[in-house]
Protein backbone atom coordinates (compact mmCIF):
# COMPACT_ATOMS: atom_id res chain seq x y z
CA MET A 1 0.00 0.00 0.00
CA GLY A 2 1.45 3.40 -0.99
CA ARG A 3 1.91 6.34 1.29
CA PRO A 4 -1.09 8.65 1.63
CA ARG A 5 -0.91 12.19 0.27
CA ALA A 6 -1.71 15.14 2.48
CA LEU A 7 -2.86 18.43 0.96
CA VAL A 8 -1.86 21.21 3.37
CA LEU A 9 -3.73 24.47 2.82
CA THR A 10 -2.33 26.39 5.79
CA ALA A 11 1.12 27.06 7.19
CA LEU A 12 2.16 24.33 9.59
CA PRO A 13 5.04 24.83 12.03
CA GLN A 14 8.18 23.00 10.95
CA GLY A 15 7.96 20.36 13.67
CA ALA A 16 4.39 19.35 12.80
CA LEU A 17 5.17 19.41 9.09
CA ALA A 18 8.16 17.11 9.61
CA ARG A 19 6.07 14.73 11.69
CA LEU A 20 3.38 14.62 9.00
CA GLY A 21 6.09 13.99 6.40
CA GLU A 22 7.15 10.83 8.23
CA TYR A 23 3.76 9.35 7.42
CA ALA A 24 2.47 11.02 4.26
CA ASP A 25 3.65 12.78 1.13
CA VAL A 26 2.96 16.45 1.85
CA VAL A 27 1.49 18.56 -0.95
CA PRO A 28 1.43 22.31 -0.23
CA ALA A 29 -1.26 24.39 -1.91
CA ALA A 30 0.23 26.81 -4.42
CA ASP A 31 -1.41 30.19 -5.08
CA ARG A 32 -4.01 29.83 -2.32
CA PRO A 33 -6.58 32.67 -2.52
CA SER A 34 -6.40 35.13 0.37
CA LEU A 35 -9.92 34.15 1.48
CA GLY A 36 -9.35 30.45 0.87
CA PHE A 37 -10.59 28.03 -1.78
CA THR A 38 -14.23 27.61 -2.74
CA ASP A 39 -15.74 24.13 -2.56
CA GLU A 40 -15.40 23.64 -6.33
CA GLN A 41 -11.83 24.95 -6.48
CA LEU A 42 -10.76 22.76 -3.59
CA ALA A 43 -12.37 19.66 -5.10
CA ASP A 44 -10.40 20.20 -8.32
CA LEU A 45 -7.21 20.59 -6.30
CA VAL A 46 -7.84 17.42 -4.28
CA ILE A 47 -8.45 15.47 -7.49
CA GLY A 48 -5.38 16.95 -9.17
CA THR A 49 -3.05 16.13 -6.26
CA GLY A 50 -4.56 12.74 -5.41
CA ALA A 51 -4.73 13.75 -1.75
CA THR A 52 -6.73 11.71 0.75
CA ILE A 53 -5.79 13.85 3.76
CA LEU A 54 -6.88 17.48 3.80
CA ILE A 55 -5.62 20.10 6.29
CA THR A 56 -7.48 23.39 6.02
CA ASP A 57 -8.12 26.68 7.78
CA GLY A 58 -10.97 28.72 6.33
CA ASP A 59 -11.41 26.93 2.99
CA VAL A 60 -14.89 25.73 2.02
CA VAL A 61 -15.32 22.00 2.48
CA GLY A 62 -18.75 21.14 1.17
CA ARG A 63 -20.59 18.83 -1.22
CA CYS A 64 -17.94 18.80 -3.94
CA VAL A 65 -15.00 18.07 -1.68
CA LEU A 66 -16.87 15.60 0.52
CA SER A 67 -17.92 13.56 -2.51
CA LEU A 68 -14.25 12.58 -2.95
CA PRO A 69 -12.56 9.58 -1.27
CA LEU A 70 -10.97 11.40 1.67
CA ASP A 71 -9.58 9.64 4.72
CA VAL A 72 -9.79 12.69 6.98
CA VAL A 73 -10.32 16.46 6.96
CA ALA A 74 -8.42 18.44 9.61
CA CYS A 75 -9.03 22.07 10.50
CA LEU A 76 -6.58 24.26 12.40
CA GLY A 77 -9.01 27.15 12.90
CA ALA A 78 -12.73 27.46 13.53
CA PRO A 79 -14.56 24.92 11.28
CA VAL A 80 -17.09 27.48 10.06
CA ASN A 81 -16.70 26.56 6.37
CA ILE A 82 -16.84 22.78 6.82
CA ASP A 83 -20.16 21.02 6.33
CA ARG A 84 -19.68 18.75 9.32
CA GLN A 85 -23.13 17.19 9.04
CA LEU A 86 -22.50 16.16 5.44
CA ALA A 87 -19.04 14.90 6.40
CA ALA A 88 -20.63 12.67 9.03
CA GLU A 89 -23.17 11.40 6.51
CA ARG A 90 -20.38 10.62 4.03
CA GLY A 91 -18.25 8.95 6.70
CA VAL A 92 -15.40 11.46 6.45
CA PRO A 93 -13.81 12.11 9.88
CA VAL A 94 -13.25 15.78 10.77
CA VAL A 95 -10.38 16.53 13.14
CA LEU A 96 -10.51 19.89 14.92
CA ALA A 97 -7.91 21.85 16.80
CA ALA A 98 -7.88 21.39 20.55
CA ASP A 99 -9.57 23.79 22.96
CA HIS A 100 -8.07 27.15 23.84
CA ASP A 101 -4.51 27.51 25.01
CA VAL A 102 -5.78 28.66 28.39
CA ASN A 103 -2.42 29.96 29.56
CA ALA A 104 -1.94 32.16 26.50
CA VAL A 105 -5.45 33.64 26.82
CA ALA A 106 -5.02 34.20 30.56
CA GLU A 107 -1.70 35.95 29.96
CA LEU A 108 -3.24 38.27 27.38
CA THR A 109 -6.02 39.08 29.84
CA LEU A 110 -3.41 40.26 32.33
CA ALA A 111 -1.52 42.11 29.61
CA LEU A 112 -4.67 44.09 28.78
CA LEU A 113 -5.28 44.73 32.47
CA PHE A 114 -1.79 46.16 32.96
CA ALA A 115 -1.97 48.18 29.75
CA VAL A 116 -5.27 49.78 30.78
CA SER A 117 -4.65 50.25 34.50
CA ARG A 118 -1.16 51.75 34.04
CA ARG A 119 -1.91 53.68 30.81
CA ILE A 120 0.99 51.99 29.07
CA VAL A 121 -0.18 52.44 25.47
CA VAL A 122 -0.91 56.16 25.87
CA ALA A 123 2.40 56.77 27.64
CA ASP A 124 4.37 54.83 25.02
CA ARG A 125 2.75 56.81 22.21
CA GLU A 126 3.59 60.14 23.82
CA VAL A 127 7.20 59.16 24.51
CA ARG A 128 7.57 58.43 20.78
CA ARG A 129 6.03 61.80 19.92
CA GLY A 130 8.22 63.76 22.32
CA ARG A 131 5.17 65.02 24.22
CA LEU A 132 6.09 63.93 27.74
CA TYR A 133 5.85 67.38 29.25
CA ARG A 134 2.92 68.67 27.23
CA GLY A 135 1.16 71.33 29.29
CA LYS A 136 4.17 71.44 31.66
CA VAL A 137 2.73 68.48 33.59
CA PRO A 138 5.36 65.85 34.54
CA PRO A 139 4.82 62.27 33.32
CA ASN A 140 4.24 60.85 36.79
CA ARG A 141 1.13 62.98 37.00
CA ARG A 142 -0.05 62.83 33.41
CA TYR A 143 -0.01 59.04 33.29
CA ARG A 144 -1.29 58.15 36.73
CA GLY A 145 -2.43 54.57 36.93
CA THR A 146 -4.09 52.26 39.44
CA ARG A 147 -2.29 49.81 41.70
CA LEU A 148 -3.78 46.32 41.34
CA ALA A 149 -2.72 44.76 44.64
CA GLY A 150 -5.64 44.85 47.05
CA ARG A 151 -8.24 45.40 44.32
CA THR A 152 -11.08 42.99 43.54
CA PHE A 153 -10.99 41.08 40.27
CA GLY A 154 -14.32 39.66 39.09
CA ILE A 155 -14.31 36.65 36.76
CA VAL A 156 -17.48 35.98 34.79
CA GLY A 157 -17.20 32.34 33.73
CA LEU A 158 -15.04 30.07 35.89
CA GLY A 159 -14.05 27.54 33.25
CA ARG A 160 -10.52 26.58 32.21
CA VAL A 161 -9.52 30.09 31.15
CA GLY A 162 -11.25 31.68 34.13
CA ARG A 163 -9.34 29.42 36.52
CA ALA A 164 -6.04 30.21 34.77
CA VAL A 165 -6.78 33.92 35.21
CA ARG A 166 -7.78 33.43 38.85
CA TRP A 167 -4.48 32.10 40.20
CA ARG A 168 -2.53 34.70 38.27
CA CYS A 169 -4.56 37.54 39.75
CA GLU A 170 -4.27 36.05 43.22
CA GLY A 171 -0.50 36.04 42.67
CA LEU A 172 -0.70 39.80 42.08
CA GLY A 173 -2.28 40.25 45.48
CA MET A 174 -5.78 40.79 44.14
CA ARG A 175 -8.94 39.48 45.74
CA VAL A 176 -10.73 37.29 43.19
CA ILE A 177 -14.47 36.66 43.03
CA ALA A 178 -16.34 34.70 40.38
CA CYS A 179 -19.77 34.29 38.83
CA ASP A 180 -20.75 31.06 37.05
CA PRO A 181 -24.13 29.36 37.57
CA TYR A 182 -22.60 26.02 36.56
CA VAL A 183 -19.65 26.05 38.99
CA ALA A 184 -20.34 25.65 42.71
CA GLU A 185 -17.21 27.49 43.86
CA ALA A 186 -18.28 30.61 41.97
CA THR A 187 -20.27 32.08 44.83
CA HIS A 188 -21.40 35.42 43.37
CA THR A 189 -24.36 36.21 41.18
CA LEU A 190 -23.69 38.50 38.22
CA PRO A 191 -25.29 41.57 39.90
CA GLU A 192 -23.27 40.94 43.07
CA LEU A 193 -20.03 40.63 41.12
CA LEU A 194 -20.66 43.76 39.05
CA ALA A 195 -21.34 45.82 42.15
CA GLU A 196 -18.24 44.57 43.98
CA ALA A 197 -15.45 44.15 41.41
CA ASP A 198 -12.87 46.77 40.46
CA VAL A 199 -12.15 44.72 37.34
CA VAL A 200 -14.73 42.63 35.44
CA SER A 201 -13.36 40.03 33.02
CA LEU A 202 -15.46 37.85 30.70
CA HIS A 203 -14.52 34.21 30.10
CA VAL A 204 -17.71 32.62 28.78
CA PRO A 205 -18.73 31.05 25.45
CA VAL A 206 -21.29 32.66 23.17
CA THR A 207 -24.67 30.96 23.68
CA GLY A 208 -28.28 32.01 23.48
CA GLU A 209 -27.99 32.82 27.17
CA THR A 210 -24.85 34.97 26.94
CA TRP A 211 -25.29 36.74 23.58
CA GLY A 212 -25.23 40.48 24.41
CA PHE A 213 -25.75 39.79 28.11
CA ILE A 214 -23.52 42.70 29.13
CA GLY A 215 -25.58 45.74 28.22
CA ASP A 216 -26.42 49.16 29.57
CA THR A 217 -27.98 47.78 32.77
CA GLU A 218 -24.94 45.63 33.60
CA LEU A 219 -22.39 48.32 32.72
CA THR A 220 -24.23 50.88 34.82
CA ALA A 221 -24.23 48.42 37.73
CA MET A 222 -20.42 48.23 37.71
CA LYS A 223 -18.44 50.28 40.19
CA PRO A 224 -17.49 53.79 39.08
CA GLY A 225 -13.98 53.67 37.63
CA ALA A 226 -14.04 49.89 37.12
CA VAL A 227 -12.12 48.24 34.26
CA TYR A 228 -13.90 45.96 31.80
CA LEU A 229 -12.01 43.16 30.00
CA ASN A 230 -13.23 40.83 27.27
CA THR A 231 -10.90 38.20 25.79
CA SER A 232 -13.82 35.89 24.88
CA ARG A 233 -16.06 37.22 22.09
CA GLY A 234 -17.29 40.63 20.99
CA SER A 235 -20.92 39.52 20.78
CA LEU A 236 -21.07 39.09 24.56
CA HIS A 237 -21.56 42.84 25.12
CA ASP A 238 -23.48 45.76 23.67
CA LEU A 239 -20.69 47.80 22.11
CA SER A 240 -22.69 51.03 21.95
CA ALA A 241 -23.52 50.78 25.64
CA LEU A 242 -19.86 50.12 26.42
CA VAL A 243 -18.78 53.22 24.50
CA ASP A 244 -21.34 55.29 26.41
CA ALA A 245 -20.11 53.97 29.77
CA LEU A 246 -16.51 54.80 28.85
CA ARG A 247 -17.29 58.22 27.41
CA SER A 248 -19.29 59.24 30.46
CA GLY A 249 -16.41 58.33 32.75
CA HIS A 250 -18.44 55.74 34.61
CA LEU A 251 -15.96 53.05 33.57
CA GLY A 252 -12.27 53.68 34.07
CA GLY A 253 -11.18 51.74 31.02
CA ALA A 254 -11.53 48.63 28.90
CA GLY A 255 -9.36 46.01 27.23
CA LEU A 256 -10.89 44.13 24.30
CA ASP A 257 -9.42 41.31 22.22
CA HIS A 258 -12.51 40.55 20.11
CA PHE A 259 -15.07 42.38 18.02
CA GLU A 260 -18.13 41.11 16.14
CA GLY A 261 -16.87 39.70 12.87
CA GLU A 262 -13.34 40.17 14.29
CA TRP A 263 -13.26 43.62 12.66
CA LEU A 264 -13.57 47.11 14.08
CA ASP A 265 -14.08 50.08 11.78
CA PRO A 266 -11.13 52.45 12.38
CA ARG A 267 -13.65 55.30 12.48
CA HIS A 268 -15.54 53.67 15.36
CA PRO A 269 -15.75 55.94 18.44
CA LEU A 270 -14.08 53.22 20.49
CA THR A 271 -10.81 53.83 18.64
CA ARG A 272 -10.71 57.44 19.85
CA LEU A 273 -10.97 56.68 23.56
CA PRO A 274 -7.60 56.93 25.34
CA ASN A 275 -8.67 54.64 28.19
CA VAL A 276 -9.25 51.65 25.89
CA VAL A 277 -6.71 49.07 24.65
CA LEU A 278 -7.70 47.07 21.56
CA THR A 279 -6.06 43.91 20.21
CA PRO A 280 -7.09 41.82 17.16
CA ARG A 281 -7.82 38.37 18.60
CA LEU A 282 -4.35 37.77 20.03
CA GLY A 283 -5.36 35.41 22.84
CA GLU A 284 -3.66 32.41 21.26
CA ALA A 285 -1.29 34.26 18.97
CA THR A 286 1.89 32.68 20.31
CA ASP A 287 4.36 30.34 18.64
CA ASP A 288 3.85 27.84 21.45
CA SER A 289 0.08 27.77 20.94
CA GLU A 290 0.39 27.26 17.19
CA GLU A 291 3.01 24.52 17.47
CA GLU A 292 1.13 22.56 20.13
CA ARG A 293 -2.16 22.82 18.24
CA ALA A 294 -0.57 21.71 14.95
CA GLU A 295 1.29 18.80 16.55
CA ARG A 296 -1.92 17.53 18.16
CA ILE A 297 -3.73 17.81 14.83
CA VAL A 298 -1.06 15.72 13.09
CA GLU A 299 -1.14 13.06 15.80
CA ASP A 300 -4.96 12.93 15.55
CA ILE A 301 -4.73 12.55 11.77
CA MET A 302 -2.39 9.60 12.09
CA GLU A 303 -4.67 7.96 14.65
CA MET A 304 -7.69 8.52 12.41
CA VAL A 305 -6.16 6.66 9.50
CA ALA A 306 -5.29 3.80 11.87
CA MET A 307 -1.63 3.55 11.02
CA PRO A 308 -0.06 1.19 13.57
CA ALA A 309 2.60 2.86 15.70
CA ALA A 310 5.18 0.23 14.69
CA GLU A 311 4.85 1.21 11.03
CA LEU A 312 5.68 4.82 11.86
CA ALA A 313 9.11 3.95 13.25
């Protein structure tokens, strides 16, 4: 039996690529469109390369592709363009990337907290512009921040990421409280947490229950001067209400790593607020996260095609 052929449509770290090459002939996709292949384009490519293993990230995997004799389809990103129901009906296994790198997301949460509470981005920008003493006010007064030790950090959603954030904040000397109706050790209700926390951080999935659940009422219920963090999803809050709470001075600042559609119009009023730090979905944007995710994907692929371990030696 010949070696399988693997069509790789996304950049794999060198280690994962080498591991895959031990088992299969790797075929990289040349001239991949910036938005990925359509179902028809990808089907033609699979036929032309003779691939039976497909590794994708954002390409459309639908009726045309799934009508071909594939051993497995693997996806490094969110499987939004894969018809998983049809794949199941056709008997094509779909391998997905593992859950979040909780440590990377937790670390970014703290990075946003520090950036907002100590005004790091604003200060950095003004150093570069030579404006440190604008208005004859010394920097230690112009960029006054907030000490975190002794403050209360409120975690909304005490899952894997929430727990990773918790021990880090405790290590900073913060008092940590949590709200999660599905976790017994999270002893606060949402209204109690909002009224008590100096920092409110969201770590919940988007569901029918949580979609837009942080709105004007919840933001108004937060302590004056509190910091709001969201490294989960942009659809969890009402963005207009958040802008109003920041503009009015009721909230002291915000750190956001997600926006609806993962895009924020540069003309949006949020971009003009100096007490807000914005990042473009960087929670898992580390080399370690990518390498671990890719290596697990490759191992899962090899298990799916039932290649005995002895034959891989």
